[in-house]
Amino acid sequence: MSAIGYKSHRVLIGILRYAWHPKLLDLLLWLTVRYSRITFTSGYREYTIHDKDSGIHGTIPLRAFDLRSRDFEDAISVRDDINRVWVYDPNRPHLMICVYHDTGFGWHFHIQVHSNTTRRI
């Protein structure tokens, strides 16, 4: 059994308002099977929230969301597991599907996809 939570109603609206990129949906389904419980902390946003924000949260279809990392005992292992299975863009191997970072609002997982995203395993 899987559980998908959300931080607030604003976040819920941000994940439901617009269509999702098919690769992001594939990744979400994989995440819910793999980890069973996830909590969204951000979805679609019309604005950037820090100076290194690429704006990917503002794309339609949605190509990125953030997840609460404190739901997991070992966040680094979760990040590494996701990046071991998924490739953001084979043409740009330095970019990751899952980034574990603190942008000034607390540690979380930033999950992103590209049209070239593939699954390794």
N, C-alpha and C. Protein backbone atom coordinates (compact mmCIF):
# COMPACT_ATOMS: atom_id res chain seq x y z
N MET A 1 0.84 -1.18 0.00
CA MET A 1 0.00 0.00 0.00
C MET A 1 0.89 1.24 0.00
N SER A 2 0.51 2.21 -0.80
CA SER A 2 1.27 3.45 -0.91
C SER A 2 0.49 4.61 -0.32
N ALA A 3 1.23 5.60 0.17
CA ALA A 3 0.62 6.82 0.68
C ALA A 3 1.33 8.01 0.07
N ILE A 4 0.55 8.92 -0.48
CA ILE A 4 1.08 10.16 -1.03
C ILE A 4 0.49 11.29 -0.21
N GLY A 5 1.36 12.07 0.42
CA GLY A 5 0.92 13.21 1.22
C GLY A 5 1.37 14.52 0.59
N TYR A 6 0.91 15.60 1.17
CA TYR A 6 1.30 16.92 0.70
C TYR A 6 1.39 17.86 1.90
N LYS A 7 2.32 18.79 1.81
CA LYS A 7 2.65 19.69 2.90
C LYS A 7 1.50 20.65 3.25
N SER A 8 0.79 21.13 2.23
CA SER A 8 -0.27 22.12 2.43
C SER A 8 -1.23 22.07 1.24
N HIS A 9 -2.35 22.75 1.37
CA HIS A 9 -3.29 22.81 0.24
C HIS A 9 -2.68 23.56 -0.94
N ARG A 10 -1.82 24.53 -0.68
CA ARG A 10 -1.13 25.24 -1.76
C ARG A 10 -0.28 24.26 -2.58
N VAL A 11 0.41 23.37 -1.88
CA VAL A 11 1.22 22.36 -2.57
C VAL A 11 0.32 21.39 -3.34
N LEU A 12 -0.78 20.98 -2.74
CA LEU A 12 -1.72 20.08 -3.43
C LEU A 12 -2.20 20.71 -4.73
N ILE A 13 -2.56 21.97 -4.69
CA ILE A 13 -2.98 22.67 -5.91
C ILE A 13 -1.83 22.71 -6.91
N GLY A 14 -0.61 22.92 -6.42
CA GLY A 14 0.56 22.98 -7.29
C GLY A 14 0.90 21.67 -7.96
N ILE A 15 0.47 20.54 -7.39
CA ILE A 15 0.75 19.26 -8.05
C ILE A 15 -0.43 18.78 -8.90
N LEU A 16 -1.59 19.39 -8.72
CA LEU A 16 -2.77 18.95 -9.48
C LEU A 16 -3.23 19.93 -10.56
N ARG A 17 -2.77 21.16 -10.51
CA ARG A 17 -3.29 22.21 -11.40
C ARG A 17 -2.99 21.95 -12.88
N TYR A 18 -1.80 21.45 -13.19
CA TYR A 18 -1.39 21.29 -14.58
C TYR A 18 -1.04 19.84 -14.89
N ALA A 19 -1.05 19.53 -16.18
CA ALA A 19 -0.66 18.20 -16.63
C ALA A 19 0.80 17.93 -16.27
N TRP A 20 1.12 16.66 -16.07
CA TRP A 20 2.48 16.24 -15.76
C TRP A 20 3.15 15.69 -17.00
N HIS A 21 4.44 15.89 -17.08
CA HIS A 21 5.23 15.26 -18.13
C HIS A 21 5.12 13.74 -17.91
N PRO A 22 4.94 12.95 -18.97
CA PRO A 22 4.80 11.50 -18.81
C PRO A 22 5.97 10.85 -18.06
N LYS A 23 7.17 11.36 -18.24
CA LYS A 23 8.32 10.79 -17.53
C LYS A 23 8.23 11.07 -16.03
N LEU A 24 7.67 12.21 -15.66
CA LEU A 24 7.50 12.52 -14.24
C LEU A 24 6.46 11.60 -13.61
N LEU A 25 5.41 11.30 -14.35
CA LEU A 25 4.41 10.33 -13.87
C LEU A 25 5.03 8.95 -13.70
N ASP A 26 5.84 8.52 -14.66
CA ASP A 26 6.52 7.22 -14.55
C ASP A 26 7.39 7.18 -13.29
N LEU A 27 8.11 8.25 -13.06
CA LEU A 27 8.98 8.32 -11.90
C LEU A 27 8.18 8.32 -10.60
N LEU A 28 7.07 9.05 -10.57
CA LEU A 28 6.21 9.06 -9.38
C LEU A 28 5.69 7.66 -9.07
N LEU A 29 5.23 6.95 -10.07
CA LEU A 29 4.74 5.59 -9.86
C LEU A 29 5.85 4.69 -9.32
N TRP A 30 7.03 4.81 -9.87
CA TRP A 30 8.17 4.03 -9.39
C TRP A 30 8.47 4.38 -7.92
N LEU A 31 8.46 5.68 -7.61
CA LEU A 31 8.74 6.11 -6.23
C LEU A 31 7.74 5.53 -5.24
N THR A 32 6.46 5.54 -5.61
CA THR A 32 5.44 5.06 -4.67
C THR A 32 5.54 3.55 -4.46
N VAL A 33 5.95 2.83 -5.47
CA VAL A 33 6.16 1.38 -5.30
C VAL A 33 7.42 1.13 -4.48
N ARG A 34 8.45 1.87 -4.78
CA ARG A 34 9.75 1.66 -4.13
C ARG A 34 9.74 2.08 -2.66
N TYR A 35 9.10 3.20 -2.37
CA TYR A 35 9.18 3.78 -1.02
C TYR A 35 7.85 3.83 -0.27
N SER A 36 6.78 3.58 -0.90
CA SER A 36 5.43 3.49 -0.34
C SER A 36 4.89 4.77 0.29
N ARG A 37 5.70 5.60 0.89
CA ARG A 37 5.19 6.83 1.49
C ARG A 37 6.06 8.01 1.06
N ILE A 38 5.42 8.98 0.40
CA ILE A 38 6.12 10.20 0.02
C ILE A 38 5.24 11.41 0.35
N THR A 39 5.89 12.53 0.60
CA THR A 39 5.18 13.77 0.90
C THR A 39 5.69 14.88 -0.01
N PHE A 40 4.79 15.44 -0.80
CA PHE A 40 5.13 16.56 -1.67
C PHE A 40 5.28 17.83 -0.82
N THR A 41 6.35 18.58 -1.10
CA THR A 41 6.51 19.88 -0.44
C THR A 41 6.45 21.03 -1.45
N SER A 42 6.50 20.70 -2.74
CA SER A 42 6.36 21.72 -3.78
C SER A 42 6.05 21.02 -5.10
N GLY A 43 5.28 21.70 -5.92
CA GLY A 43 4.96 21.22 -7.26
C GLY A 43 5.17 22.36 -8.24
N TYR A 44 4.12 22.74 -8.93
CA TYR A 44 4.20 23.87 -9.86
C TYR A 44 4.33 25.17 -9.07
N ARG A 45 5.22 26.05 -9.55
CA ARG A 45 5.36 27.40 -8.99
C ARG A 45 5.53 28.39 -10.14
N GLU A 46 4.93 29.53 -10.00
CA GLU A 46 5.04 30.58 -11.02
C GLU A 46 6.25 31.47 -10.82
N TYR A 47 7.02 31.23 -9.79
CA TYR A 47 8.13 32.11 -9.44
C TYR A 47 9.32 31.27 -8.98
N THR A 48 10.49 31.86 -9.03
CA THR A 48 11.68 31.20 -8.51
C THR A 48 11.80 31.55 -7.03
N ILE A 49 12.46 30.68 -6.26
CA ILE A 49 12.54 30.91 -4.82
C ILE A 49 13.96 31.13 -4.31
N HIS A 50 14.96 30.97 -5.18
CA HIS A 50 16.33 31.25 -4.79
C HIS A 50 17.14 31.59 -6.03
N ASP A 51 18.33 32.11 -5.85
CA ASP A 51 19.11 32.62 -6.98
C ASP A 51 19.58 31.56 -7.97
N LYS A 52 19.62 30.29 -7.57
CA LYS A 52 20.03 29.23 -8.49
C LYS A 52 18.83 28.43 -9.04
N ASP A 53 17.64 28.91 -8.79
CA ASP A 53 16.41 28.24 -9.24
C ASP A 53 16.31 28.35 -10.76
N SER A 54 16.27 27.20 -11.45
CA SER A 54 16.24 27.17 -12.92
C SER A 54 14.86 27.51 -13.49
N GLY A 55 13.84 27.47 -12.65
CA GLY A 55 12.48 27.70 -13.13
C GLY A 55 11.78 26.44 -13.59
N ILE A 56 12.39 25.27 -13.39
CA ILE A 56 11.81 24.02 -13.85
C ILE A 56 10.46 23.72 -13.18
N HIS A 57 10.24 24.27 -11.98
CA HIS A 57 8.95 24.06 -11.31
C HIS A 57 7.83 24.83 -12.02
N GLY A 58 8.18 25.71 -12.92
CA GLY A 58 7.19 26.50 -13.63
C GLY A 58 6.91 26.02 -15.04
N THR A 59 7.41 24.85 -15.40
CA THR A 59 7.17 24.33 -16.75
C THR A 59 5.83 23.61 -16.82
N ILE A 60 5.22 23.68 -17.98
CA ILE A 60 4.00 22.92 -18.26
C ILE A 60 4.26 22.15 -19.55
N PRO A 61 4.15 20.83 -19.55
CA PRO A 61 3.73 20.01 -18.41
C PRO A 61 4.76 20.03 -17.28
N LEU A 62 4.28 19.75 -16.09
CA LEU A 62 5.12 19.76 -14.90
C LEU A 62 6.26 18.77 -15.06
N ARG A 63 7.48 19.24 -14.78
CA ARG A 63 8.66 18.37 -14.91
C ARG A 63 9.43 18.23 -13.61
N ALA A 64 8.93 18.82 -12.53
CA ALA A 64 9.67 18.74 -11.26
C ALA A 64 8.74 18.86 -10.07
N PHE A 65 9.14 18.23 -8.98
CA PHE A 65 8.48 18.42 -7.70
C PHE A 65 9.51 18.21 -6.59
N ASP A 66 9.16 18.64 -5.39
CA ASP A 66 10.02 18.44 -4.24
C ASP A 66 9.33 17.50 -3.26
N LEU A 67 10.14 16.69 -2.59
CA LEU A 67 9.63 15.73 -1.61
C LEU A 67 10.31 15.94 -0.27
N ARG A 68 9.58 15.69 0.78
CA ARG A 68 10.12 15.78 2.15
C ARG A 68 11.14 14.66 2.34
N SER A 69 12.34 15.04 2.73
CA SER A 69 13.40 14.05 2.93
C SER A 69 13.38 13.46 4.33
N ARG A 70 12.83 14.16 5.29
CA ARG A 70 12.85 13.64 6.66
C ARG A 70 11.91 12.45 6.86
N ASP A 71 11.12 12.11 5.85
CA ASP A 71 10.30 10.90 5.90
C ASP A 71 11.16 9.63 5.80
N PHE A 72 12.43 9.81 5.46
CA PHE A 72 13.32 8.68 5.22
C PHE A 72 14.45 8.68 6.24
N GLU A 73 14.82 7.50 6.66
CA GLU A 73 15.88 7.36 7.65
C GLU A 73 17.24 7.80 7.12
N ASP A 74 17.52 7.48 5.86
CA ASP A 74 18.82 7.81 5.26
C ASP A 74 18.60 8.49 3.91
N ALA A 75 18.50 9.81 3.94
CA ALA A 75 18.18 10.58 2.73
C ALA A 75 19.23 10.41 1.64
N ILE A 76 20.49 10.32 2.01
CA ILE A 76 21.56 10.17 1.01
C ILE A 76 21.38 8.86 0.25
N SER A 77 21.04 7.78 0.95
CA SER A 77 20.83 6.49 0.29
C SER A 77 19.64 6.54 -0.66
N VAL A 78 18.59 7.26 -0.28
CA VAL A 78 17.42 7.40 -1.15
C VAL A 78 17.81 8.17 -2.40
N ARG A 79 18.50 9.28 -2.23
CA ARG A 79 18.97 10.07 -3.38
C ARG A 79 19.81 9.21 -4.32
N ASP A 80 20.75 8.48 -3.75
CA ASP A 80 21.64 7.65 -4.56
C ASP A 80 20.88 6.54 -5.27
N ASP A 81 19.90 5.96 -4.60
CA ASP A 81 19.08 4.91 -5.20
C ASP A 81 18.32 5.44 -6.41
N ILE A 82 17.69 6.58 -6.26
CA ILE A 82 16.93 7.18 -7.37
C ILE A 82 17.86 7.47 -8.54
N ASN A 83 19.00 8.07 -8.27
CA ASN A 83 19.94 8.42 -9.35
C ASN A 83 20.63 7.21 -9.96
N ARG A 84 20.69 6.12 -9.24
CA ARG A 84 21.26 4.88 -9.78
C ARG A 84 20.30 4.25 -10.80
N VAL A 85 19.01 4.41 -10.56
CA VAL A 85 18.00 3.79 -11.43
C VAL A 85 17.58 4.70 -12.59
N TRP A 86 17.57 6.01 -12.37
CA TRP A 86 17.07 6.96 -13.36
C TRP A 86 18.18 7.88 -13.85
N VAL A 87 18.16 8.19 -15.14
CA VAL A 87 19.10 9.12 -15.78
C VAL A 87 18.31 10.32 -16.27
N TYR A 88 18.69 11.50 -15.80
CA TYR A 88 17.99 12.72 -16.20
C TYR A 88 18.07 12.96 -17.71
N ASP A 89 19.28 13.01 -18.22
CA ASP A 89 19.50 13.23 -19.65
C ASP A 89 20.84 12.60 -20.01
N PRO A 90 20.85 11.51 -20.76
CA PRO A 90 22.11 10.86 -21.11
C PRO A 90 23.13 11.79 -21.78
N ASN A 91 22.65 12.84 -22.43
CA ASN A 91 23.55 13.79 -23.08
C ASN A 91 24.19 14.76 -22.09
N ARG A 92 23.66 14.81 -20.86
CA ARG A 92 24.21 15.68 -19.81
C ARG A 92 24.29 14.88 -18.51
N PRO A 93 25.25 13.96 -18.44
CA PRO A 93 25.32 13.05 -17.29
C PRO A 93 25.61 13.73 -15.96
N HIS A 94 26.04 14.99 -15.98
CA HIS A 94 26.30 15.70 -14.73
C HIS A 94 25.01 16.16 -14.04
N LEU A 95 23.88 16.14 -14.76
CA LEU A 95 22.60 16.53 -14.17
C LEU A 95 21.89 15.29 -13.62
N MET A 96 21.33 15.42 -12.44
CA MET A 96 20.71 14.30 -11.73
C MET A 96 19.19 14.42 -11.69
N ILE A 97 18.53 13.29 -11.60
CA ILE A 97 17.08 13.23 -11.39
C ILE A 97 16.75 13.74 -10.00
N CYS A 98 17.51 13.30 -9.01
CA CYS A 98 17.23 13.64 -7.62
C CYS A 98 18.40 14.43 -7.03
N VAL A 99 18.08 15.61 -6.54
CA VAL A 99 19.05 16.45 -5.85
C VAL A 99 18.58 16.59 -4.41
N TYR A 100 19.45 16.28 -3.47
CA TYR A 100 19.15 16.43 -2.05
C TYR A 100 19.85 17.70 -1.60
N HIS A 101 19.07 18.73 -1.28
CA HIS A 101 19.69 20.01 -0.94
C HIS A 101 18.79 20.84 -0.02
N ASP A 102 19.40 21.91 0.48
CA ASP A 102 18.69 22.91 1.28
C ASP A 102 18.89 24.23 0.56
N THR A 103 17.81 24.81 0.07
CA THR A 103 17.88 26.08 -0.65
C THR A 103 17.49 27.24 0.26
N GLY A 104 17.53 26.99 1.56
CA GLY A 104 17.14 28.02 2.52
C GLY A 104 15.79 27.77 3.16
N PHE A 105 15.13 26.70 2.73
CA PHE A 105 13.81 26.36 3.27
C PHE A 105 13.79 24.97 3.90
N GLY A 106 14.95 24.40 4.12
CA GLY A 106 15.06 23.07 4.72
C GLY A 106 15.49 22.03 3.69
N TRP A 107 16.10 20.97 4.19
CA TRP A 107 16.57 19.87 3.34
C TRP A 107 15.39 19.14 2.73
N HIS A 108 15.50 18.81 1.46
CA HIS A 108 14.44 18.11 0.73
C HIS A 108 15.04 17.47 -0.52
N PHE A 109 14.22 16.63 -1.17
CA PHE A 109 14.59 16.07 -2.46
C PHE A 109 13.95 16.91 -3.56
N HIS A 110 14.75 17.37 -4.48
CA HIS A 110 14.24 18.00 -5.70
C HIS A 110 14.29 16.91 -6.76
N ILE A 111 13.14 16.59 -7.34
CA ILE A 111 13.00 15.54 -8.35
C ILE A 111 12.66 16.21 -9.68
N GLN A 112 13.42 15.89 -10.73
CA GLN A 112 13.20 16.53 -12.02
C GLN A 112 13.38 15.53 -13.16
N VAL A 113 12.68 15.77 -14.25
CA VAL A 113 12.83 14.93 -15.44
C VAL A 113 13.02 15.80 -16.67
N HIS A 114 13.45 15.17 -17.73
CA HIS A 114 13.68 15.79 -19.04
C HIS A 114 13.05 14.85 -20.07
N SER A 115 12.82 15.34 -21.25
CA SER A 115 12.27 14.47 -22.31
C SER A 115 13.17 13.27 -22.60
N ASN A 116 14.47 13.42 -22.34
CA ASN A 116 15.42 12.32 -22.57
C ASN A 116 15.60 11.40 -21.35
N THR A 117 14.87 11.65 -20.28
CA THR A 117 15.01 10.84 -19.08
C THR A 117 14.75 9.37 -19.40
N THR A 118 15.61 8.51 -18.86
CA THR A 118 15.47 7.06 -19.05
C THR A 118 15.67 6.35 -17.72
N ARG A 119 15.20 5.12 -17.70
CA ARG A 119 15.40 4.27 -16.55
C ARG A 119 16.51 3.27 -16.86
N ARG A 120 17.50 3.18 -16.01
CA ARG A 120 18.62 2.27 -16.24
C ARG A 120 18.22 0.83 -16.02
N ILE A 121 17.52 0.57 -14.95
CA ILE A 121 17.24 -0.79 -14.52
C ILE A 121 15.75 -1.07 -14.64
